[in-house]
Amino acid sequence: MRMVLVAAFRSEASGILGLLDNVTRGKTGGVKFWQGGVGAHEISVVLCGAGPEKAAVSLGQAAGIITEAELVINFGVCGALREDT
């Protein structure tokens, strides 16, 4: 399965990036992304920046990656990167 995982920040995506095999990184339309695999799955991780406006713009710029996907998941921690928040 081809999947695209979308996160605002690299700190949110770092755990997933550490699981990918044969990772390549790139940039399309100003949007950073990584591609790799887990088992039989092809996974792209796209960074979009914080907020719905940045997500919409970034995903539009990364349309070439997203149109190939069978599943797109937007994930993150909504600013809770510290235990005390």
Protein backbone atom coordinates (compact mmCIF):
# COMPACT_ATOMS: atom_id res chain seq x y z
CA MET A 1 0.00 0.00 0.00
CA ARG A 2 1.17 3.54 -0.77
CA MET A 3 0.70 5.89 2.17
CA VAL A 4 1.37 9.57 2.77
CA LEU A 5 1.79 10.68 6.37
CA VAL A 6 1.55 14.42 6.93
CA ALA A 7 2.96 16.24 9.96
CA ALA A 8 3.51 19.89 10.76
CA PHE A 9 7.02 19.49 12.17
CA ARG A 10 9.94 17.12 11.85
CA SER A 11 9.87 16.52 15.61
CA GLU A 12 6.40 15.03 15.16
CA ALA A 13 7.52 12.82 12.28
CA SER A 14 10.89 11.70 13.69
CA GLY A 15 9.58 8.48 15.23
CA ILE A 16 8.11 7.33 11.93
CA LEU A 17 11.16 8.41 9.95
CA GLY A 18 13.26 6.17 12.20
CA LEU A 19 11.17 3.15 11.17
CA LEU A 20 11.55 3.58 7.40
CA ASP A 21 13.93 1.46 5.35
CA ASN A 22 15.85 2.81 2.34
CA VAL A 23 14.94 6.43 3.07
CA THR A 24 15.35 9.12 0.47
CA ARG A 25 14.56 12.75 1.05
CA GLY A 26 13.50 15.49 -1.26
CA LYS A 27 11.69 18.72 -1.80
CA THR A 28 8.83 19.50 -4.15
CA GLY A 29 7.26 22.92 -4.48
CA GLY A 30 9.16 23.98 -1.36
CA VAL A 31 7.73 21.10 0.70
CA LYS A 32 10.14 18.70 2.43
CA PHE A 33 9.39 15.00 2.25
CA TRP A 34 10.97 11.60 2.93
CA GLN A 35 10.15 8.33 1.22
CA GLY A 36 10.90 4.82 2.37
CA GLY A 37 9.28 1.57 3.25
CA VAL A 38 8.05 -0.59 6.06
CA GLY A 39 7.58 -4.16 4.94
CA ALA A 40 5.58 -4.13 1.71
CA HIS A 41 4.30 -0.58 2.29
CA GLU A 42 5.64 2.49 0.49
CA ILE A 43 5.50 5.48 2.81
CA SER A 44 5.99 9.18 2.15
CA VAL A 45 6.26 11.59 5.08
CA VAL A 46 5.44 15.20 4.21
CA LEU A 47 6.06 18.24 6.43
CA CYS A 48 3.44 20.97 6.06
CA GLY A 49 3.95 23.49 8.87
CA ALA A 50 1.46 24.41 11.60
CA GLY A 51 -2.13 25.34 10.90
CA PRO A 52 -4.80 24.50 8.36
CA GLU A 53 -3.72 27.18 5.88
CA LYS A 54 -0.12 25.93 5.74
CA ALA A 55 -1.34 22.35 5.49
CA ALA A 56 -3.59 23.19 2.55
CA VAL A 57 -0.86 25.09 0.69
CA SER A 58 1.80 22.45 1.37
CA LEU A 59 -0.40 19.57 0.32
CA GLY A 60 -1.30 21.41 -2.86
CA GLN A 61 2.41 21.83 -3.60
CA ALA A 62 3.02 18.14 -2.86
CA ALA A 63 0.13 16.97 -5.04
CA GLY A 64 2.39 14.72 -7.12
CA ILE A 65 3.21 12.66 -4.05
CA ILE A 66 -0.31 12.61 -2.67
CA THR A 67 -2.11 11.61 -5.87
CA GLU A 68 -0.13 8.36 -5.90
CA ALA A 69 -1.28 7.46 -2.37
CA GLU A 70 -3.95 4.97 -1.40
CA LEU A 71 -4.12 6.41 2.12
CA VAL A 72 -3.29 9.89 3.49
CA ILE A 73 -3.05 10.47 7.26
CA ASN A 74 -2.47 13.85 8.88
CA PHE A 75 -1.06 13.42 12.38
CA GLY A 76 0.64 15.44 15.08
CA VAL A 77 0.69 16.42 18.70
CA CYS A 78 -0.95 19.88 18.54
CA GLY A 79 1.94 21.57 20.30
CA ALA A 80 2.24 19.10 23.17
CA LEU A 81 5.90 18.30 22.71
CA ARG A 82 6.74 18.61 26.40
CA GLU A 83 5.39 16.58 29.31
CA ASP A 84 4.28 19.71 31.18
CA THR A 85 2.01 20.96 28.35
